[in-house]
N, C-alpha and C. Protein backbone atom coordinates (compact mmCIF):
# COMPACT_ATOMS: atom_id res chain seq x y z
N MET A 1 0.84 -1.29 0.06
CA MET A 1 0.09 -0.15 -0.05
C MET A 1 1.01 1.09 -0.04
N ALA A 2 0.53 2.21 -0.73
CA ALA A 2 1.38 3.54 -0.95
C ALA A 2 0.55 4.74 -1.00
N VAL A 3 0.99 5.79 -0.78
CA VAL A 3 0.37 7.00 -0.43
C VAL A 3 1.41 7.72 -1.47
N VAL A 4 0.64 8.60 -2.88
CA VAL A 4 1.46 9.32 -3.78
C VAL A 4 0.76 10.24 -3.44
N ASP A 5 1.96 11.54 -3.70
CA ASP A 5 1.66 13.11 -4.01
C ASP A 5 1.19 13.49 -5.13
N PHE A 6 0.97 14.60 -5.21
CA PHE A 6 0.71 15.14 -6.78
C PHE A 6 1.92 15.37 -7.67
N ASP A 7 2.87 15.28 -7.29
CA ASP A 7 4.19 15.19 -7.56
C ASP A 7 4.91 13.85 -8.19
N MET A 8 4.02 13.16 -8.02
CA MET A 8 4.31 11.61 -8.40
C MET A 8 5.48 10.99 -7.87
N LYS A 9 5.61 11.43 -6.13
CA LYS A 9 6.41 10.86 -5.42
C LYS A 9 5.65 9.80 -4.53
N PHE A 10 6.13 9.07 -3.85
CA PHE A 10 5.74 8.53 -2.72
C PHE A 10 6.06 9.06 -1.51
N THR A 11 5.08 9.10 -0.88
CA THR A 11 5.23 9.81 0.80
C THR A 11 4.88 8.80 1.62
N TYR A 12 4.61 7.62 1.41
CA TYR A 12 4.47 6.63 2.52
C TYR A 12 4.18 5.30 1.72
N LEU A 13 4.79 4.00 2.30
CA LEU A 13 4.91 2.84 1.64
C LEU A 13 4.67 1.82 2.84
N VAL A 14 4.00 1.10 2.29
CA VAL A 14 4.27 -0.10 3.46
C VAL A 14 4.27 -1.30 2.42
N ALA A 15 5.37 -2.22 2.72
CA ALA A 15 5.60 -3.10 1.83
C ALA A 15 5.74 -4.55 2.74
N GLY A 16 5.56 -5.67 2.02
CA GLY A 16 6.16 -7.02 2.99
C GLY A 16 4.79 -7.60 3.24
N TRP A 17 3.69 -7.26 3.19
CA TRP A 17 2.27 -8.04 3.07
C TRP A 17 2.13 -8.70 2.15
N GLU A 18 1.50 -10.01 1.97
CA GLU A 18 1.15 -10.98 0.92
C GLU A 18 0.52 -10.28 -0.07
N GLY A 19 0.67 -10.67 -1.26
CA GLY A 19 -0.24 -10.00 -2.16
C GLY A 19 -1.60 -10.44 -2.26
N SER A 20 -1.97 -11.21 -1.56
CA SER A 20 -3.63 -11.57 -1.12
C SER A 20 -4.40 -11.02 -0.17
N CYS A 21 -3.26 -9.91 0.26
CA CYS A 21 -4.03 -9.15 1.42
C CYS A 21 -4.47 -7.59 0.90
N HIS A 22 -5.70 -7.65 0.89
CA HIS A 22 -6.19 -6.40 0.46
C HIS A 22 -5.70 -5.07 1.29
N ASP A 23 -5.62 -4.22 0.42
CA ASP A 23 -5.10 -2.80 0.64
C ASP A 23 -5.78 -2.12 1.79
N ALA A 24 -7.19 -2.36 1.81
CA ALA A 24 -8.01 -1.90 3.04
C ALA A 24 -7.73 -2.42 4.24
N ARG A 25 -7.09 -3.92 4.42
CA ARG A 25 -6.87 -4.30 5.28
C ARG A 25 -5.24 -3.48 6.13
N VAL A 26 -4.42 -3.66 4.98
CA VAL A 26 -3.35 -3.11 5.40
C VAL A 26 -3.45 -1.38 6.02
N LEU A 27 -4.33 -0.85 4.87
CA LEU A 27 -4.64 0.85 5.75
C LEU A 27 -4.99 0.83 6.85
N ASN A 28 -5.88 -0.07 7.37
CA ASN A 28 -6.55 -0.24 8.59
C ASN A 28 -5.31 -0.47 9.92
N VAL A 29 -4.58 -1.28 9.27
CA VAL A 29 -3.33 -1.97 10.54
C VAL A 29 -2.52 -0.76 10.53
N ALA A 30 -2.33 -0.28 9.40
CA ALA A 30 -1.28 1.11 9.07
C ALA A 30 -1.68 2.25 10.11
N THR A 31 -2.82 2.48 10.01
CA THR A 31 -3.72 3.71 10.65
C THR A 31 -3.72 3.35 12.02
N SER A 32 -4.27 2.55 12.67
CA SER A 32 -4.46 1.95 13.68
C SER A 32 -3.30 1.69 14.68
N ASN A 33 -2.19 1.25 14.21
CA ASN A 33 -1.10 1.19 14.84
C ASN A 33 0.25 1.95 14.78
N PRO A 34 0.68 2.40 16.02
CA PRO A 34 1.69 3.83 15.70
C PRO A 34 3.15 3.33 15.07
N ALA A 35 3.10 1.90 15.38
CA ALA A 35 4.42 1.59 15.03
C ALA A 35 4.75 1.74 13.50
N PHE A 36 3.75 1.70 12.61
CA PHE A 36 3.51 1.96 11.28
C PHE A 36 3.76 3.48 10.90
N MET A 37 3.71 4.54 11.88
CA MET A 37 4.05 5.80 11.86
C MET A 37 3.26 6.43 10.32
N PHE A 38 2.10 6.33 10.52
CA PHE A 38 1.25 6.80 9.34
C PHE A 38 0.95 8.22 9.51
N PRO A 39 1.13 8.71 8.47
CA PRO A 39 1.05 10.24 8.06
C PRO A 39 -0.28 10.73 8.27
N HIS A 40 -1.09 10.69 9.36
CA HIS A 40 -2.47 10.95 9.49
C HIS A 40 -2.61 12.53 8.69
N ALA A 41 -3.85 12.65 7.89
CA ALA A 41 -4.65 13.62 7.35
C ALA A 41 -4.45 14.78 8.18
N PRO A 42 -4.16 16.17 7.93
CA PRO A 42 -4.10 16.89 8.77
C PRO A 42 -5.82 17.73 8.81
N GLU A 43 -6.17 18.33 9.77
CA GLU A 43 -7.58 18.71 9.89
C GLU A 43 -7.92 19.41 8.50
N GLY A 44 -9.23 18.94 8.00
CA GLY A 44 -9.54 19.27 7.07
C GLY A 44 -9.14 18.84 5.76
N LYS A 45 -7.94 18.12 5.51
CA LYS A 45 -7.45 17.46 4.39
C LYS A 45 -7.75 15.70 4.45
N TYR A 46 -7.61 15.44 3.00
CA TYR A 46 -8.11 14.06 3.18
C TYR A 46 -7.33 13.45 2.14
N TYR A 47 -7.18 12.21 2.21
CA TYR A 47 -6.46 11.34 0.95
C TYR A 47 -7.37 10.87 0.48
N LEU A 48 -7.18 10.93 -1.11
CA LEU A 48 -8.29 10.31 -2.11
C LEU A 48 -7.71 8.86 -2.20
N VAL A 49 -8.85 7.94 -1.92
CA VAL A 49 -8.79 6.29 -2.16
C VAL A 49 -9.98 6.39 -3.47
N ASP A 50 -9.68 4.76 -3.56
CA ASP A 50 -10.71 4.46 -4.67
C ASP A 50 -11.53 3.93 -3.85
N ALA A 51 -12.88 3.14 -4.81
CA ALA A 51 -13.74 2.58 -4.12
C ALA A 51 -13.69 1.24 -3.37
N GLY A 52 -12.52 0.76 -3.72
CA GLY A 52 -12.02 -0.50 -2.78
C GLY A 52 -12.25 -0.28 -1.24
N TYR A 53 -11.93 1.45 -0.98
CA TYR A 53 -11.72 1.57 0.70
C TYR A 53 -12.93 2.03 0.99
N LYS A 54 -13.05 2.27 2.39
CA LYS A 54 -14.55 2.58 3.02
C LYS A 54 -14.05 4.15 2.88
N ASN A 55 -15.28 5.37 3.19
CA ASN A 55 -14.83 6.40 3.39
C ASN A 55 -14.82 6.63 4.77
N LYS A 56 -13.77 7.13 5.34
CA LYS A 56 -13.85 7.47 6.70
C LYS A 56 -13.20 8.44 6.94
N PRO A 57 -12.79 9.09 8.37
CA PRO A 57 -12.39 10.49 8.42
C PRO A 57 -10.80 10.31 7.99
N GLY A 58 -10.58 11.48 7.34
CA GLY A 58 -9.24 11.47 6.29
C GLY A 58 -8.83 10.79 5.45
N PHE A 59 -10.13 9.94 4.74
CA PHE A 59 -9.89 9.36 3.51
C PHE A 59 -11.36 9.72 2.75
N LEU A 60 -11.12 9.91 1.60
CA LEU A 60 -12.32 10.69 0.70
C LEU A 60 -12.43 9.63 -0.45
N ALA A 61 -13.36 8.57 -0.42
CA ALA A 61 -13.92 7.56 -1.50
C ALA A 61 -14.87 8.35 -2.60
N PRO A 62 -15.08 7.72 -3.61
CA PRO A 62 -16.33 8.15 -4.60
C PRO A 62 -17.05 7.63 -3.94
N PHE A 63 -18.17 8.14 -4.51
CA PHE A 63 -19.86 7.31 -4.27
C PHE A 63 -19.94 6.17 -5.17
N ARG A 64 -20.20 4.95 -4.52
CA ARG A 64 -20.32 3.82 -5.19
C ARG A 64 -21.79 4.13 -5.63
N GLY A 65 -21.26 3.36 -6.85
CA GLY A 65 -22.52 2.80 -7.77
C GLY A 65 -23.02 4.13 -8.86
N GLN A 66 -21.91 5.00 -8.91
CA GLN A 66 -21.98 6.16 -9.38
C GLN A 66 -21.30 6.27 -10.88
N ASN A 67 -21.69 6.43 -11.96
CA ASN A 67 -20.88 6.64 -13.02
C ASN A 67 -20.02 7.68 -12.99
N TYR A 68 -19.00 7.85 -13.96
CA TYR A 68 -18.36 9.47 -13.72
C TYR A 68 -18.17 9.59 -15.28
N HIS A 69 -18.52 9.41 -16.08
CA HIS A 69 -18.40 9.77 -17.64
C HIS A 69 -19.67 10.85 -17.63
N LEU A 70 -18.81 11.92 -17.52
CA LEU A 70 -19.99 13.13 -17.67
C LEU A 70 -20.18 13.57 -19.52
N HIS A 71 -19.48 12.82 -20.17
CA HIS A 71 -19.77 13.39 -21.77
C HIS A 71 -20.86 13.02 -22.05
N ASP A 72 -21.75 12.27 -21.42
CA ASP A 72 -23.11 11.91 -22.17
C ASP A 72 -24.32 12.59 -21.45
N ARG A 73 -24.44 13.95 -22.21
CA ARG A 73 -25.21 14.87 -21.44
C ARG A 73 -26.65 14.84 -21.39
N ARG A 74 -27.13 13.83 -22.34
CA ARG A 74 -28.56 13.43 -22.42
C ARG A 74 -29.04 12.91 -21.46
N ARG A 75 -28.36 11.78 -20.35
CA ARG A 75 -28.84 10.96 -19.68
C ARG A 75 -29.45 11.89 -18.65
N GLU A 76 -30.40 11.42 -17.76
CA GLU A 76 -31.22 12.04 -16.66
C GLU A 76 -31.36 11.20 -15.70
N ASP A 77 -30.92 9.71 -16.00
CA ASP A 77 -31.04 9.07 -14.83
C ASP A 77 -29.86 9.28 -13.77
N GLY A 78 -29.89 8.76 -12.62
CA GLY A 78 -28.52 8.94 -11.52
C GLY A 78 -28.53 10.43 -11.11
N ASP A 79 -27.92 10.71 -10.19
CA ASP A 79 -27.33 11.90 -9.71
C ASP A 79 -26.25 12.60 -10.30
N ARG A 80 -26.47 13.46 -11.27
CA ARG A 80 -25.36 14.27 -11.83
C ARG A 80 -24.35 15.07 -11.00
N ARG A 81 -24.92 15.20 -9.69
CA ARG A 81 -23.68 15.94 -8.45
C ARG A 81 -22.91 14.86 -8.42
N LYS A 82 -23.63 13.44 -8.06
CA LYS A 82 -22.32 12.58 -7.44
C LYS A 82 -21.59 12.13 -8.91
N GLU A 83 -22.17 12.06 -10.03
CA GLU A 83 -21.12 11.89 -11.12
C GLU A 83 -20.17 12.84 -11.37
N MET A 84 -20.45 14.13 -10.86
CA MET A 84 -19.54 15.21 -11.12
C MET A 84 -18.70 15.06 -10.31
N PHE A 85 -18.56 14.63 -9.15
CA PHE A 85 -17.68 14.52 -8.02
C PHE A 85 -16.88 13.27 -8.14
N ASN A 86 -17.60 12.36 -8.72
CA ASN A 86 -16.99 11.29 -9.12
C ASN A 86 -15.81 11.51 -10.42
N TYR A 87 -16.08 11.98 -11.28
CA TYR A 87 -15.35 12.15 -12.10
C TYR A 87 -14.20 13.19 -11.66
N ARG A 88 -14.50 14.06 -11.01
CA ARG A 88 -13.27 14.91 -10.47
C ARG A 88 -12.24 14.39 -9.76
N HIS A 89 -13.32 13.51 -8.83
CA HIS A 89 -12.19 12.26 -7.59
C HIS A 89 -11.38 11.87 -8.71
N ALA A 90 -11.85 11.10 -9.32
CA ALA A 90 -11.20 10.40 -10.48
C ALA A 90 -9.85 11.12 -11.08
N SER A 91 -10.53 12.08 -11.67
CA SER A 91 -9.31 13.11 -12.52
C SER A 91 -7.98 13.40 -11.57
N LEU A 92 -8.47 13.57 -10.40
CA LEU A 92 -7.40 13.99 -9.05
C LEU A 92 -6.56 12.30 -8.78
N ARG A 93 -7.04 11.29 -9.10
CA ARG A 93 -6.66 10.19 -8.26
C ARG A 93 -6.17 9.71 -9.55
N ASN A 94 -6.01 10.40 -10.64
CA ASN A 94 -5.13 9.62 -12.00
C ASN A 94 -3.71 9.55 -11.75
N VAL A 95 -3.20 10.56 -10.83
CA VAL A 95 -1.74 10.91 -10.53
C VAL A 95 -1.36 9.41 -10.09
N ILE A 96 -2.17 8.83 -9.57
CA ILE A 96 -2.05 8.02 -8.49
C ILE A 96 -1.89 6.73 -9.50
N GLU A 97 -2.54 6.23 -10.55
CA GLU A 97 -2.18 5.59 -11.37
C GLU A 97 -1.35 5.59 -12.43
N ARG A 98 -0.94 7.07 -12.78
CA ARG A 98 0.41 7.21 -13.52
C ARG A 98 1.46 6.94 -13.12
N THR A 99 1.71 7.18 -11.46
CA THR A 99 2.73 7.01 -10.84
C THR A 99 3.09 5.71 -10.83
N PHE A 100 2.30 4.46 -10.59
CA PHE A 100 2.31 3.23 -10.64
C PHE A 100 2.70 2.84 -11.70
N GLY A 101 2.15 3.31 -12.75
CA GLY A 101 2.73 2.82 -14.42
C GLY A 101 3.83 3.26 -14.47
N VAL A 102 4.35 4.51 -14.24
CA VAL A 102 5.69 4.86 -14.27
C VAL A 102 7.04 3.57 -13.68
N TRP A 103 6.60 3.65 -12.28
CA TRP A 103 7.36 2.85 -11.68
C TRP A 103 7.14 1.49 -12.00
N LYS A 104 6.05 0.60 -12.41
CA LYS A 104 6.43 -0.45 -13.11
C LYS A 104 7.11 -0.62 -14.16
N SER A 105 6.97 0.46 -15.15
CA SER A 105 7.68 0.34 -16.62
C SER A 105 9.33 0.74 -16.44
N ARG A 106 9.54 1.47 -15.04
CA ARG A 106 11.14 1.72 -14.98
C ARG A 106 11.87 0.39 -14.20
N PHE A 107 11.23 -0.20 -13.24
CA PHE A 107 11.37 -1.05 -12.67
C PHE A 107 10.56 -2.63 -12.67
N ARG A 108 11.03 -3.02 -14.01
CA ARG A 108 10.35 -3.95 -14.44
C ARG A 108 10.24 -5.30 -13.45
N ILE A 109 11.06 -5.42 -12.46
CA ILE A 109 11.01 -6.30 -11.50
C ILE A 109 9.75 -6.51 -10.59
N LEU A 110 9.29 -5.33 -10.70
CA LEU A 110 7.93 -5.21 -9.84
C LEU A 110 6.67 -5.76 -10.41
N ARG A 111 6.80 -5.89 -11.95
CA ARG A 111 5.73 -6.50 -12.61
C ARG A 111 5.75 -8.18 -12.14
N GLY A 112 6.53 -8.71 -11.77
CA GLY A 112 6.10 -10.10 -11.09
C GLY A 112 7.54 -10.20 -10.21
N ILE A 113 7.82 -9.85 -9.16
CA ILE A 113 8.85 -10.31 -8.04
C ILE A 113 9.19 -11.97 -8.33
N PRO A 114 10.58 -12.06 -8.67
CA PRO A 114 10.61 -13.48 -8.50
C PRO A 114 10.62 -13.99 -7.26
N ARG A 115 10.49 -15.36 -6.95
CA ARG A 115 10.02 -16.40 -5.83
C ARG A 115 11.36 -15.68 -4.97
N TYR A 116 11.61 -14.99 -4.54
CA TYR A 116 12.41 -14.39 -3.07
C TYR A 116 11.60 -14.62 -2.12
N PRO A 117 12.28 -14.87 -0.95
CA PRO A 117 11.96 -14.50 0.18
C PRO A 117 11.03 -13.27 0.20
N LEU A 118 10.01 -13.51 1.11
CA LEU A 118 9.26 -12.19 1.48
C LEU A 118 9.75 -11.09 1.87
N LYS A 119 11.00 -11.27 2.52
CA LYS A 119 11.47 -9.80 3.00
C LYS A 119 12.55 -9.26 1.91
N LYS A 120 12.97 -9.86 1.29
CA LYS A 120 13.74 -9.99 -0.08
C LYS A 120 12.53 -9.07 -0.90
N GLN A 121 11.44 -9.60 -1.23
CA GLN A 121 10.51 -8.89 -2.29
C GLN A 121 10.08 -7.51 -1.44
N ARG A 122 9.98 -7.57 0.12
CA ARG A 122 9.89 -6.11 0.44
C ARG A 122 10.82 -5.19 0.67
N ASP A 123 12.22 -5.45 0.58
CA ASP A 123 13.09 -4.65 0.49
C ASP A 123 13.28 -4.10 -1.39
N ILE A 124 12.93 -4.92 -1.90
CA ILE A 124 12.94 -4.60 -3.62
C ILE A 124 11.97 -3.52 -3.91
N VAL A 125 10.97 -3.68 -3.51
CA VAL A 125 9.24 -2.71 -3.47
C VAL A 125 10.02 -1.47 -2.84
N ILE A 126 10.85 -1.53 -1.61
CA ILE A 126 11.10 -0.27 -1.11
C ILE A 126 12.15 0.28 -1.93
N ALA A 127 13.53 -0.32 -2.13
CA ALA A 127 14.49 0.35 -2.77
C ALA A 127 13.78 1.19 -4.08
N CYS A 128 12.91 0.13 -5.01
CA CYS A 128 12.23 0.70 -6.00
C CYS A 128 11.72 1.84 -5.82
N ALA A 129 10.71 2.38 -4.65
CA ALA A 129 10.00 3.60 -4.15
C ALA A 129 11.31 4.27 -4.10
N VAL A 130 12.12 4.20 -3.43
CA VAL A 130 13.28 5.46 -3.16
C VAL A 130 14.11 5.58 -4.41
N LEU A 131 14.26 4.87 -5.04
CA LEU A 131 14.93 5.06 -6.34
C LEU A 131 14.09 6.20 -7.30
N HIS A 132 12.86 5.70 -7.61
CA HIS A 132 11.88 6.26 -7.95
C HIS A 132 11.68 7.71 -7.89
N ASN A 133 11.66 8.08 -6.23
CA ASN A 133 11.44 9.39 -6.08
C ASN A 133 12.92 10.22 -6.31
N PHE A 134 13.84 9.52 -5.93
CA PHE A 134 15.41 10.34 -6.22
C PHE A 134 15.25 10.84 -7.88
N ILE A 135 14.94 9.78 -8.86
CA ILE A 135 14.95 10.25 -10.19
C ILE A 135 13.86 11.18 -10.18
N LYS A 136 12.68 11.44 -9.63
CA LYS A 136 11.80 12.04 -9.67
C LYS A 136 12.22 13.63 -9.22
N LEU A 137 13.18 13.49 -8.13
CA LEU A 137 13.58 14.83 -7.63
C LEU A 137 14.56 15.54 -8.43
N PHE A 138 15.37 14.34 -9.20
CA PHE A 138 16.53 15.26 -10.08
C PHE A 138 16.42 15.10 -11.62
N SER A 139 15.26 14.29 -11.89
CA SER A 139 15.15 14.67 -13.34
C SER A 139 13.46 14.58 -14.11
N SER A 140 13.12 15.29 -13.33
CA SER A 140 11.73 15.57 -13.58
C SER A 140 11.22 15.75 -14.81
N GLU A 141 12.03 16.12 -15.68
CA GLU A 141 11.74 16.42 -16.72
C GLU A 141 11.74 15.39 -18.01
N GLU A 142 12.28 14.03 -17.13
CA GLU A 142 12.20 12.95 -17.80
C GLU A 142 10.90 12.74 -18.70
N ALA A 143 10.67 12.12 -20.16
CA ALA A 143 9.48 12.06 -20.71
C ALA A 143 8.44 10.73 -20.04
N VAL A 144 9.12 9.99 -19.24
CA VAL A 144 8.04 9.17 -18.40
C VAL A 144 7.34 9.62 -17.55
N PHE A 145 7.64 10.72 -16.77
CA PHE A 145 6.84 11.65 -16.08
C PHE A 145 5.93 12.58 -16.94
N ASN A 146 5.92 12.64 -17.95
CA ASN A 146 5.07 13.62 -18.84
C ASN A 146 4.50 12.94 -19.87
N PRO A 147 3.28 11.93 -19.41
CA PRO A 147 2.53 11.40 -20.13
C PRO A 147 1.56 12.33 -21.23
N GLU A 148 1.64 11.98 -22.24
CA GLU A 148 1.13 12.70 -23.28
C GLU A 148 -0.68 12.47 -23.37
N ASP A 149 -1.46 11.61 -22.67
CA ASP A 149 -2.56 11.51 -22.42
C ASP A 149 -3.19 11.27 -21.07
N ASP A 150 -3.51 12.37 -20.34
CA ASP A 150 -3.74 12.43 -18.62
C ASP A 150 -5.32 12.27 -18.61
N ALA A 151 -5.94 11.67 -19.87
CA ALA A 151 -7.31 11.53 -19.69
C ALA A 151 -8.01 10.50 -18.82
N VAL A 152 -9.15 10.68 -17.91
CA VAL A 152 -9.74 9.96 -16.93
C VAL A 152 -10.27 8.37 -17.67
N ASP A 153 -9.70 7.77 -17.03
CA ASP A 153 -11.01 6.18 -17.82
C ASP A 153 -12.50 6.38 -17.09
N ASP A 154 -13.10 6.54 -18.09
CA ASP A 154 -14.87 6.76 -18.28
C ASP A 154 -15.42 5.60 -17.83
N GLY A 155 -14.99 4.87 -17.15
CA GLY A 155 -15.91 3.52 -16.51
C GLY A 155 -16.45 3.92 -15.63
N ASN A 156 -17.02 2.94 -14.82
CA ASN A 156 -17.80 2.81 -13.59
C ASN A 156 -17.02 2.82 -12.28
N ALA A 157 -17.05 3.58 -11.52
CA ALA A 157 -16.32 4.08 -10.07
C ALA A 157 -16.43 2.52 -9.26
N GLU A 158 -17.62 1.63 -9.56
CA GLU A 158 -18.21 0.75 -8.93
C GLU A 158 -16.79 -0.46 -9.23
N ASP A 159 -16.37 -0.23 -10.57
CA ASP A 159 -15.35 -1.61 -11.19
C ASP A 159 -14.14 -1.49 -10.26
N ASP A 160 -13.94 -0.59 -9.61
CA ASP A 160 -12.90 -0.51 -8.83
C ASP A 160 -12.82 -1.23 -7.14
N VAL A 161 -14.07 -1.64 -7.21
CA VAL A 161 -14.31 -2.47 -5.62
C VAL A 161 -13.77 -3.57 -6.01
N GLY A 162 -12.65 -3.64 -4.50
CA GLY A 162 -12.16 -5.08 -4.53
C GLY A 162 -12.79 -6.22 -3.73
N GLU A 163 -12.34 -7.08 -3.83
CA GLU A 163 -12.88 -8.30 -3.37
C GLU A 163 -13.42 -8.13 -2.11
N ALA A 164 -12.58 -7.61 -1.23
CA ALA A 164 -13.00 -7.58 0.05
C ALA A 164 -14.05 -6.73 0.60
N SER A 165 -14.55 -5.71 -0.46
CA SER A 165 -15.41 -4.80 -0.32
C SER A 165 -16.76 -5.63 0.26
N THR A 166 -17.70 -5.43 1.16
CA THR A 166 -18.82 -5.75 1.43
C THR A 166 -20.18 -5.22 1.56
N GLN A 167 -21.13 -5.96 1.20
CA GLN A 167 -22.34 -4.93 1.28
C GLN A 167 -22.61 -4.22 2.59
N HIS A 168 -21.92 -4.92 3.76
CA HIS A 168 -22.42 -4.37 5.02
C HIS A 168 -21.37 -2.81 5.23
N GLN A 169 -20.01 -3.35 4.43
CA GLN A 169 -19.31 -2.09 4.59
C GLN A 169 -19.78 -0.68 3.55
N GLN A 170 -20.14 -1.07 2.83
CA GLN A 170 -21.00 -0.21 1.88
C GLN A 170 -22.20 0.54 2.32
N GLN A 171 -23.11 -0.06 3.10
CA GLN A 171 -24.24 0.50 4.22
C GLN A 171 -23.33 1.60 5.45
N ARG A 172 -22.43 0.96 5.60
CA ARG A 172 -21.80 1.89 6.89
C ARG A 172 -21.07 3.29 6.20
N GLU A 173 -20.86 3.18 4.59
CA GLU A 173 -19.96 4.12 4.22
C GLU A 173 -20.86 5.57 4.13
N GLU A 174 -22.19 5.17 3.71
CA GLU A 174 -22.77 6.73 3.81
C GLU A 174 -23.11 7.34 5.32
N SER A 175 -22.94 6.39 6.19
CA SER A 175 -23.77 7.19 7.63
C SER A 175 -22.42 7.79 8.32
N ASN A 176 -21.25 7.75 7.69
CA ASN A 176 -20.06 8.54 8.71
C ASN A 176 -19.74 9.98 8.21
N ASP A 177 -18.94 10.55 8.97
CA ASP A 177 -18.59 12.00 8.76
C ASP A 177 -18.08 12.39 7.38
N MET A 178 -17.34 11.62 6.92
CA MET A 178 -16.56 11.70 5.59
C MET A 178 -17.89 11.54 4.41
N GLY A 179 -18.91 10.99 4.76
CA GLY A 179 -19.89 11.06 3.87
C GLY A 179 -20.79 12.14 3.63
N GLN A 180 -20.70 13.01 4.93
CA GLN A 180 -21.46 14.10 4.74
C GLN A 180 -20.27 15.23 4.42
N ILE A 181 -18.97 15.16 4.73
CA ILE A 181 -18.12 15.98 4.24
C ILE A 181 -18.29 15.76 2.05
N ARG A 182 -18.22 14.63 1.85
CA ARG A 182 -18.16 14.47 0.34
C ARG A 182 -19.48 15.01 0.06
N ASP A 183 -20.49 14.64 0.38
CA ASP A 183 -21.68 15.14 -0.03
C ASP A 183 -21.85 17.01 0.04
N HIS A 184 -21.40 17.38 1.11
CA HIS A 184 -21.17 18.87 1.17
C HIS A 184 -20.18 19.33 -0.29
N ILE A 185 -18.81 18.93 -0.38
CA ILE A 185 -18.11 18.69 -1.54
C ILE A 185 -19.37 18.63 -2.77
N ALA A 186 -19.61 17.50 -3.21
CA ALA A 186 -20.30 17.58 -4.45
C ALA A 186 -21.39 18.37 -4.55
N ASN A 187 -22.07 18.97 -3.57
CA ASN A 187 -23.05 20.22 -3.68
C ASN A 187 -22.27 21.42 -4.00
N ALA A 188 -21.51 21.47 -3.37
CA ALA A 188 -20.81 22.82 -3.55
C ALA A 188 -20.03 22.76 -5.44
N MET A 189 -19.21 22.06 -5.77
CA MET A 189 -19.04 21.53 -6.93
C MET A 189 -20.17 21.81 -7.98
N TRP A 190 -21.48 21.16 -7.71
CA TRP A 190 -22.59 21.08 -8.52
C TRP A 190 -23.09 22.65 -8.81
N HIS A 191 -23.02 23.47 -7.53
CA HIS A 191 -23.63 24.88 -7.51
C HIS A 191 -22.80 25.45 -8.36
N ASP A 192 -21.16 25.49 -7.70
CA ASP A 192 -20.40 26.40 -8.78
C ASP A 192 -20.70 26.13 -10.19
N ARG A 193 -21.09 24.71 -10.45
CA ARG A 193 -21.10 24.37 -12.30
C ARG A 193 -22.15 25.54 -12.82
N LEU A 194 -23.46 25.23 -11.85
CA LEU A 194 -24.59 26.00 -12.26
C LEU A 194 -24.18 27.54 -12.47
N ASP A 195 -23.37 28.27 -11.55
CA ASP A 195 -23.24 29.69 -11.46
C ASP A 195 -22.58 30.12 -12.85
């Protein structure tokens, strides 16, 4: 599990968990155990997470079950306010996908780490992240960091939901404080669009 900033640099990384472990579980352990030194977001700031994570304080997920392709203006079904929020959320999250794409293309060993012991695999992931940040800091004009197409995938946000996502988790998502914050942001974006 990793945290990436808008400059395509890793700001936090947890490695060493088995690949079958869902990122949401790793996040829960990292945020609740002080030994992991997770950098919690300051008051009023949020980490953008995909639909595989639940919406909780400090972590802003997209609305579940909402499309985020606004190019079809004729559609009247669905909540356009939520679609707009998800579209902009995905646009911002796009830098995460680009960062992982750059990282994996630069360090091909990450595409399929050989059967090394788990500790060595963890060390490879961490070393590649450190080298990635070093290259980004000192060679930011490199073509691999400046993709030609930053288009947002116009699929459905629900497609990103991981296997560990449950119906119970989806029901609780809308009842927490971050759900209210997300609604407020979506309403403000929609009203700004109309003005």
